[in-house]
Amino acid sequence: TTPVAVAGGLTFASLTVGAVHTCGLRSGGAAYCWGYNEFGRLGDGSTEDNRTTPVAVAGGRTFASLTAGGIHTCGLRSGGAAYCWGFNRFGQLGDGSTTTRRTPVAVAGGIPFASLTAGGEYTCGLRSDGAAYCWGHNHAGQLGDGSTTNRTTPVAVAGGIPFASLTAGWYYTCGLTSGGAAYCWGHNGFGQLGDGSTTNRTTP
């Protein structure tokens, strides 16, 4: 009920938390994860169910940022290449498959992203020009492409709105424009899209 130090004595530049796992990025770009490892969300290549101390993400790649989803994790390299690992039933790893991965795999399409955000069972990426793309589970329209079809590779968010940032919830997504306007899409059963309704939306 009070803060305890993460074991191992590693220093981190940033942290990201998923449903039941945590990942940290060191200043040099090395990624470590710990917690519940079902479906390989820690990325260390093992089948161990739990890691109670940080373990290195396999592959030796350095990342500029990390984002943890519900049961998967993604990392963005300095050149804009995106990698994901973990549960992939709905295509949330973006590699064109629905095969769960215990180590990082490249997101298909070669799109250079400026940032990534991972939701419950899907992922979104923002290009430097503000174009938004999403992939994975889409039952409530959380990918924003005007459909409720799951996508195993990135698809453009409809409407052509340039965003300055994106954030993914469990089954909905929101984007912020450079002028401060907020747009949301996906599941809206509790009014989380903020449009005055409880109707799901498949576009922003």
C-alpha atoms as a PDB file:
ATOM      1  CA  THR A   1       0.000   0.000   0.000  1.00  0.00           C
ATOM      2  CA  THR A   2       3.077   2.227  -0.205  1.00  0.00           C
ATOM      3  CA  PRO A   3       5.652   2.598  -3.005  1.00  0.00           C
ATOM      4  CA  VAL A   4       8.331  -0.088  -3.283  1.00  0.00           C
ATOM      5  CA  ALA A   5      11.415   0.076  -5.476  1.00  0.00           C
ATOM      6  CA  VAL A   6      11.507  -2.017  -8.626  1.00  0.00           C
ATOM      7  CA  ALA A   7      14.235  -4.624  -8.126  1.00  0.00           C
ATOM      8  CA  GLY A   8      17.463  -4.825 -10.088  1.00  0.00           C
ATOM      9  CA  GLY A   9      18.807  -1.324  -9.682  1.00  0.00           C
ATOM     10  CA  LEU A  10      18.103  -0.332 -13.281  1.00  0.00           C
ATOM     11  CA  THR A  11      17.438   3.296 -14.080  1.00  0.00           C
ATOM     12  CA  PHE A  12      14.681   4.102 -16.571  1.00  0.00           C
ATOM     13  CA  ALA A  13      13.869   7.110 -18.706  1.00  0.00           C
ATOM     14  CA  SER A  14      10.173   6.228 -19.070  1.00  0.00           C
ATOM     15  CA  LEU A  15       7.591   3.662 -17.996  1.00  0.00           C
ATOM     16  CA  THR A  16       4.349   2.305 -19.473  1.00  0.00           C
ATOM     17  CA  VAL A  17       1.762   0.076 -17.817  1.00  0.00           C
ATOM     18  CA  GLY A  18      -0.617  -2.434 -19.390  1.00  0.00           C
ATOM     19  CA  ALA A  19      -3.426  -4.360 -17.745  1.00  0.00           C
ATOM     20  CA  VAL A  20      -1.121  -6.534 -15.611  1.00  0.00           C
ATOM     21  CA  HIS A  21       2.396  -5.817 -16.862  1.00  0.00           C
ATOM     22  CA  THR A  22       4.878  -2.959 -16.830  1.00  0.00           C
ATOM     23  CA  CYS A  23       7.666  -1.966 -19.209  1.00  0.00           C
ATOM     24  CA  GLY A  24      10.505   0.486 -18.816  1.00  0.00           C
ATOM     25  CA  LEU A  25      12.822   2.141 -21.292  1.00  0.00           C
ATOM     26  CA  ARG A  26      16.406   2.936 -20.362  1.00  0.00           C
ATOM     27  CA  SER A  27      18.087   6.139 -21.544  1.00  0.00           C
ATOM     28  CA  GLY A  28      20.016   4.191 -24.173  1.00  0.00           C
ATOM     29  CA  GLY A  29      16.838   2.661 -25.582  1.00  0.00           C
ATOM     30  CA  ALA A  30      17.004  -0.812 -24.027  1.00  0.00           C
ATOM     31  CA  ALA A  31      13.558  -2.140 -23.104  1.00  0.00           C
ATOM     32  CA  TYR A  32      12.655  -4.196 -20.038  1.00  0.00           C
ATOM     33  CA  CYS A  33       9.312  -5.601 -18.907  1.00  0.00           C
ATOM     34  CA  TRP A  34       7.916  -7.368 -15.849  1.00  0.00           C
ATOM     35  CA  GLY A  35       4.645  -8.763 -14.515  1.00  0.00           C
ATOM     36  CA  TYR A  36       2.203 -11.222 -16.049  1.00  0.00           C
ATOM     37  CA  ASN A  37       3.728 -12.852 -19.120  1.00  0.00           C
ATOM     38  CA  GLU A  38       0.775 -14.768 -20.571  1.00  0.00           C
ATOM     39  CA  PHE A  39       0.900 -14.588 -24.392  1.00  0.00           C
ATOM     40  CA  GLY A  40       4.436 -13.181 -24.321  1.00  0.00           C
ATOM     41  CA  ARG A  41       3.552  -9.603 -23.528  1.00  0.00           C
ATOM     42  CA  LEU A  42       6.938  -9.126 -21.788  1.00  0.00           C
ATOM     43  CA  GLY A  43       8.779  -9.851 -25.029  1.00  0.00           C
ATOM     44  CA  ASP A  44      11.614 -11.891 -23.561  1.00  0.00           C
ATOM     45  CA  GLY A  45      10.827 -14.983 -25.615  1.00  0.00           C
ATOM     46  CA  SER A  46       9.945 -17.113 -22.619  1.00  0.00           C
ATOM     47  CA  THR A  47       6.838 -19.007 -21.620  1.00  0.00           C
ATOM     48  CA  GLU A  48       7.205 -18.104 -17.962  1.00  0.00           C
ATOM     49  CA  ASP A  49       3.836 -16.933 -16.656  1.00  0.00           C
ATOM     50  CA  ASN A  50       5.200 -14.255 -14.355  1.00  0.00           C
ATOM     51  CA  ARG A  51       8.319 -12.155 -13.991  1.00  0.00           C
ATOM     52  CA  THR A  52       8.606 -10.392 -10.677  1.00  0.00           C
ATOM     53  CA  THR A  53      11.682  -8.411 -11.714  1.00  0.00           C
ATOM     54  CA  PRO A  54      12.566  -6.667 -15.009  1.00  0.00           C
ATOM     55  CA  VAL A  55      13.674  -8.840 -17.935  1.00  0.00           C
ATOM     56  CA  ALA A  56      15.183  -7.549 -21.160  1.00  0.00           C
ATOM     57  CA  VAL A  57      12.994  -7.540 -24.256  1.00  0.00           C
ATOM     58  CA  ALA A  58      14.574  -9.978 -26.721  1.00  0.00           C
ATOM     59  CA  GLY A  59      16.267  -8.965 -29.961  1.00  0.00           C
ATOM     60  CA  GLY A  60      18.627  -6.287 -28.715  1.00  0.00           C
ATOM     61  CA  ARG A  61      16.793  -3.443 -30.459  1.00  0.00           C
ATOM     62  CA  THR A  62      16.778   0.012 -28.972  1.00  0.00           C
ATOM     63  CA  PHE A  63      13.536   1.947 -28.831  1.00  0.00           C
ATOM     64  CA  ALA A  64      12.630   5.627 -28.587  1.00  0.00           C
ATOM     65  CA  SER A  65       9.342   4.894 -26.797  1.00  0.00           C
ATOM     66  CA  LEU A  66       7.193   2.032 -25.506  1.00  0.00           C
ATOM     67  CA  THR A  67       3.448   1.620 -25.073  1.00  0.00           C
ATOM     68  CA  ALA A  68       1.736  -1.220 -23.216  1.00  0.00           C
ATOM     69  CA  GLY A  69      -1.730  -2.415 -24.173  1.00  0.00           C
ATOM     70  CA  GLY A  70      -3.963  -4.822 -22.337  1.00  0.00           C
ATOM     71  CA  ILE A  71      -2.179  -7.995 -23.455  1.00  0.00           C
ATOM     72  CA  HIS A  72       0.475  -6.680 -25.849  1.00  0.00           C
ATOM     73  CA  THR A  73       3.302  -4.170 -26.029  1.00  0.00           C
ATOM     74  CA  CYS A  74       4.731  -2.016 -28.809  1.00  0.00           C
ATOM     75  CA  GLY A  75       7.953  -0.116 -29.247  1.00  0.00           C
ATOM     76  CA  LEU A  76       8.875   2.685 -31.608  1.00  0.00           C
ATOM     77  CA  ARG A  77      12.412   2.953 -32.945  1.00  0.00           C
ATOM     78  CA  SER A  78      14.098   6.313 -33.532  1.00  0.00           C
ATOM     79  CA  GLY A  79      13.626   6.056 -37.305  1.00  0.00           C
ATOM     80  CA  GLY A  80       9.880   5.504 -36.960  1.00  0.00           C
ATOM     81  CA  ALA A  81       9.746   1.710 -37.340  1.00  0.00           C
ATOM     82  CA  ALA A  82       7.177   0.084 -35.063  1.00  0.00           C
ATOM     83  CA  TYR A  83       7.507  -3.321 -33.390  1.00  0.00           C
ATOM     84  CA  CYS A  84       4.953  -5.174 -31.269  1.00  0.00           C
ATOM     85  CA  TRP A  85       4.796  -8.379 -29.228  1.00  0.00           C
ATOM     86  CA  GLY A  86       2.310 -10.380 -27.153  1.00  0.00           C
ATOM     87  CA  PHE A  87      -1.289 -11.433 -27.774  1.00  0.00           C
ATOM     88  CA  ASN A  88      -2.347 -11.128 -31.402  1.00  0.00           C
ATOM     89  CA  ARG A  89      -5.747 -12.769 -31.757  1.00  0.00           C
ATOM     90  CA  PHE A  90      -7.216  -9.626 -33.325  1.00  0.00           C
ATOM     91  CA  GLY A  91      -4.158  -8.460 -35.276  1.00  0.00           C
ATOM     92  CA  GLN A  92      -3.079  -5.895 -32.698  1.00  0.00           C
ATOM     93  CA  LEU A  93       0.605  -6.567 -33.424  1.00  0.00           C
ATOM     94  CA  GLY A  94       0.105  -5.318 -36.985  1.00  0.00           C
ATOM     95  CA  ASP A  95       2.317  -7.911 -38.660  1.00  0.00           C
ATOM     96  CA  GLY A  96      -0.403  -9.199 -40.978  1.00  0.00           C
ATOM     97  CA  SER A  97      -1.155 -12.247 -38.866  1.00  0.00           C
ATOM     98  CA  THR A  98      -3.139 -13.298 -35.825  1.00  0.00           C
ATOM     99  CA  THR A  99      -0.224 -15.276 -34.402  1.00  0.00           C
ATOM    100  CA  THR A 100       0.809 -14.448 -30.853  1.00  0.00           C
ATOM    101  CA  ARG A 101       4.479 -13.403 -30.615  1.00  0.00           C
ATOM    102  CA  ARG A 102       6.791 -13.711 -27.624  1.00  0.00           C
ATOM    103  CA  THR A 103       9.428 -11.430 -29.147  1.00  0.00           C
ATOM    104  CA  PRO A 104       9.114  -8.183 -31.149  1.00  0.00           C
ATOM    105  CA  VAL A 105       7.881  -8.331 -34.755  1.00  0.00           C
ATOM    106  CA  ALA A 106       7.793  -5.444 -37.215  1.00  0.00           C
ATOM    107  CA  VAL A 107       4.477  -3.749 -37.924  1.00  0.00           C
ATOM    108  CA  ALA A 108       3.719  -4.263 -41.613  1.00  0.00           C
ATOM    109  CA  GLY A 109       3.514  -1.494 -44.190  1.00  0.00           C
ATOM    110  CA  GLY A 110       6.701   0.398 -43.493  1.00  0.00           C
ATOM    111  CA  ILE A 111       4.870   3.500 -42.243  1.00  0.00           C
ATOM    112  CA  PRO A 112       7.212   5.756 -40.250  1.00  0.00           C
ATOM    113  CA  PHE A 113       5.430   6.689 -37.035  1.00  0.00           C
ATOM    114  CA  ALA A 114       6.149   9.576 -34.713  1.00  0.00           C
ATOM    115  CA  SER A 115       4.251   8.001 -31.801  1.00  0.00           C
ATOM    116  CA  LEU A 116       2.319   4.873 -30.821  1.00  0.00           C
ATOM    117  CA  THR A 117      -0.482   4.184 -28.371  1.00  0.00           C
ATOM    118  CA  ALA A 118      -1.751   0.719 -27.443  1.00  0.00           C
ATOM    119  CA  GLY A 119      -5.341   0.075 -26.387  1.00  0.00           C
ATOM    120  CA  GLY A 120      -6.935  -3.001 -24.919  1.00  0.00           C
ATOM    121  CA  GLU A 121      -6.618  -5.194 -28.008  1.00  0.00           C
ATOM    122  CA  TYR A 122      -5.548  -2.738 -30.692  1.00  0.00           C
ATOM    123  CA  THR A 123      -2.826  -0.217 -31.502  1.00  0.00           C
ATOM    124  CA  CYS A 124      -2.701   3.207 -33.174  1.00  0.00           C
ATOM    125  CA  GLY A 125       0.180   5.156 -34.655  1.00  0.00           C
ATOM    126  CA  LEU A 126       0.593   8.800 -35.580  1.00  0.00           C
ATOM    127  CA  ARG A 127       2.797   9.956 -38.436  1.00  0.00           C
ATOM    128  CA  SER A 128       4.753  13.189 -38.196  1.00  0.00           C
ATOM    129  CA  ASP A 129       2.305  14.846 -40.619  1.00  0.00           C
ATOM    130  CA  GLY A 130      -0.597  14.078 -38.273  1.00  0.00           C
ATOM    131  CA  ALA A 131      -2.071  11.141 -40.192  1.00  0.00           C
ATOM    132  CA  ALA A 132      -3.454   8.493 -37.838  1.00  0.00           C
ATOM    133  CA  TYR A 133      -3.471   4.740 -38.400  1.00  0.00           C
ATOM    134  CA  CYS A 134      -4.866   1.914 -36.262  1.00  0.00           C
ATOM    135  CA  TRP A 135      -4.891  -1.906 -36.313  1.00  0.00           C
ATOM    136  CA  GLY A 136      -6.266  -4.828 -34.308  1.00  0.00           C
ATOM    137  CA  HIS A 137      -9.657  -5.369 -32.662  1.00  0.00           C
ATOM    138  CA  ASN A 138     -12.399  -3.204 -34.161  1.00  0.00           C
ATOM    139  CA  HIS A 139     -15.729  -4.520 -32.880  1.00  0.00           C
ATOM    140  CA  ALA A 140     -16.811  -1.075 -31.650  1.00  0.00           C
ATOM    141  CA  GLY A 141     -15.168   1.007 -34.370  1.00  0.00           C
ATOM    142  CA  GLN A 142     -12.109   1.838 -32.271  1.00  0.00           C
ATOM    143  CA  LEU A 143      -9.850   1.775 -35.338  1.00  0.00           C
ATOM    144  CA  GLY A 144     -11.768   4.717 -36.807  1.00  0.00           C
ATOM    145  CA  ASP A 145     -11.770   3.493 -40.407  1.00  0.00           C
ATOM    146  CA  GLY A 146     -15.554   3.515 -40.723  1.00  0.00           C
ATOM    147  CA  SER A 147     -15.926  -0.227 -40.198  1.00  0.00           C
ATOM    148  CA  THR A 148     -16.128  -2.807 -37.421  1.00  0.00           C
ATOM    149  CA  THR A 149     -13.730  -5.163 -39.209  1.00  0.00           C
ATOM    150  CA  ASN A 150     -10.595  -6.312 -37.399  1.00  0.00           C
ATOM    151  CA  ARG A 151      -7.367  -5.295 -39.158  1.00  0.00           C
ATOM    152  CA  THR A 152      -4.053  -7.135 -38.997  1.00  0.00           C
ATOM    153  CA  THR A 153      -2.117  -4.258 -40.590  1.00  0.00           C
ATOM    154  CA  PRO A 154      -2.413  -0.474 -40.180  1.00  0.00           C
ATOM    155  CA  VAL A 155      -5.429   1.269 -41.747  1.00  0.00           C
ATOM    156  CA  ALA A 156      -5.921   5.011 -41.980  1.00  0.00           C
ATOM    157  CA  VAL A 157      -8.351   6.672 -39.582  1.00  0.00           C
ATOM    158  CA  ALA A 158     -11.163   8.149 -41.682  1.00  0.00           C
ATOM    159  CA  GLY A 159     -11.749  11.849 -42.146  1.00  0.00           C
ATOM    160  CA  GLY A 160      -8.243  13.048 -42.867  1.00  0.00           C
ATOM    161  CA  ILE A 161      -8.020  15.053 -39.640  1.00  0.00           C
ATOM    162  CA  PRO A 162      -4.380  15.807 -38.739  1.00  0.00           C
ATOM    163  CA  PHE A 163      -3.750  15.041 -35.083  1.00  0.00           C
ATOM    164  CA  ALA A 164      -0.997  16.259 -32.778  1.00  0.00           C
ATOM    165  CA  SER A 165      -1.440  13.311 -30.407  1.00  0.00           C
ATOM    166  CA  LEU A 166      -3.457  10.120 -29.940  1.00  0.00           C
ATOM    167  CA  THR A 167      -4.434   8.096 -26.903  1.00  0.00           C
ATOM    168  CA  ALA A 168      -6.051   4.657 -26.885  1.00  0.00           C
ATOM    169  CA  GLY A 169      -8.415   3.418 -24.196  1.00  0.00           C
ATOM    170  CA  TRP A 170      -9.724  -0.117 -23.808  1.00  0.00           C
ATOM    171  CA  TYR A 171     -12.100  -0.017 -26.798  1.00  0.00           C
ATOM    172  CA  TYR A 172     -12.035   3.623 -27.871  1.00  0.00           C
ATOM    173  CA  THR A 173      -9.545   6.177 -29.143  1.00  0.00           C
ATOM    174  CA  CYS A 174      -9.191   9.949 -28.951  1.00  0.00           C
ATOM    175  CA  GLY A 175      -7.110  12.382 -30.955  1.00  0.00           C
ATOM    176  CA  LEU A 176      -6.090  15.965 -30.240  1.00  0.00           C
ATOM    177  CA  THR A 177      -5.483  18.493 -33.017  1.00  0.00           C
ATOM    178  CA  SER A 178      -2.786  21.158 -32.825  1.00  0.00           C
ATOM    179  CA  GLY A 179      -5.528  23.722 -32.237  1.00  0.00           C
ATOM    180  CA  GLY A 180      -6.820  21.875 -29.188  1.00  0.00           C
ATOM    181  CA  ALA A 181      -9.902  20.252 -30.722  1.00  0.00           C
ATOM    182  CA  ALA A 182     -10.652  16.762 -29.394  1.00  0.00           C
ATOM    183  CA  TYR A 183     -12.114  13.904 -31.439  1.00  0.00           C
ATOM    184  CA  CYS A 184     -13.008  10.418 -30.258  1.00  0.00           C
ATOM    185  CA  TRP A 185     -14.254   7.176 -31.798  1.00  0.00           C
ATOM    186  CA  GLY A 186     -15.121   3.597 -30.861  1.00  0.00           C
ATOM    187  CA  HIS A 187     -17.084   2.263 -27.905  1.00  0.00           C
ATOM    188  CA  ASN A 188     -19.402   4.825 -26.319  1.00  0.00           C
ATOM    189  CA  GLY A 189     -21.655   2.870 -23.974  1.00  0.00           C
ATOM    190  CA  PHE A 190     -20.757   5.165 -21.077  1.00  0.00           C
ATOM    191  CA  GLY A 191     -20.474   8.419 -23.033  1.00  0.00           C
ATOM    192  CA  GLN A 192     -16.689   8.220 -23.150  1.00  0.00           C
ATOM    193  CA  LEU A 193     -16.575   9.778 -26.623  1.00  0.00           C
ATOM    194  CA  GLY A 194     -17.994  13.007 -25.194  1.00  0.00           C
ATOM    195  CA  ASP A 195     -20.390  13.709 -28.078  1.00  0.00           C
ATOM    196  CA  GLY A 196     -23.510  13.809 -25.926  1.00  0.00           C
ATOM    197  CA  SER A 197     -24.605  10.293 -26.864  1.00  0.00           C
ATOM    198  CA  THR A 198     -23.970   6.672 -25.933  1.00  0.00           C
ATOM    199  CA  THR A 199     -23.742   5.565 -29.569  1.00  0.00           C
ATOM    200  CA  ASN A 200     -20.616   3.806 -30.794  1.00  0.00           C
ATOM    201  CA  ARG A 201     -18.794   5.665 -33.565  1.00  0.00           C
ATOM    202  CA  THR A 202     -16.663   4.103 -36.288  1.00  0.00           C
ATOM    203  CA  THR A 203     -15.110   7.432 -37.349  1.00  0.00           C
ATOM    204  CA  PRO A 204     -13.876  10.431 -35.348  1.00  0.00           C
END
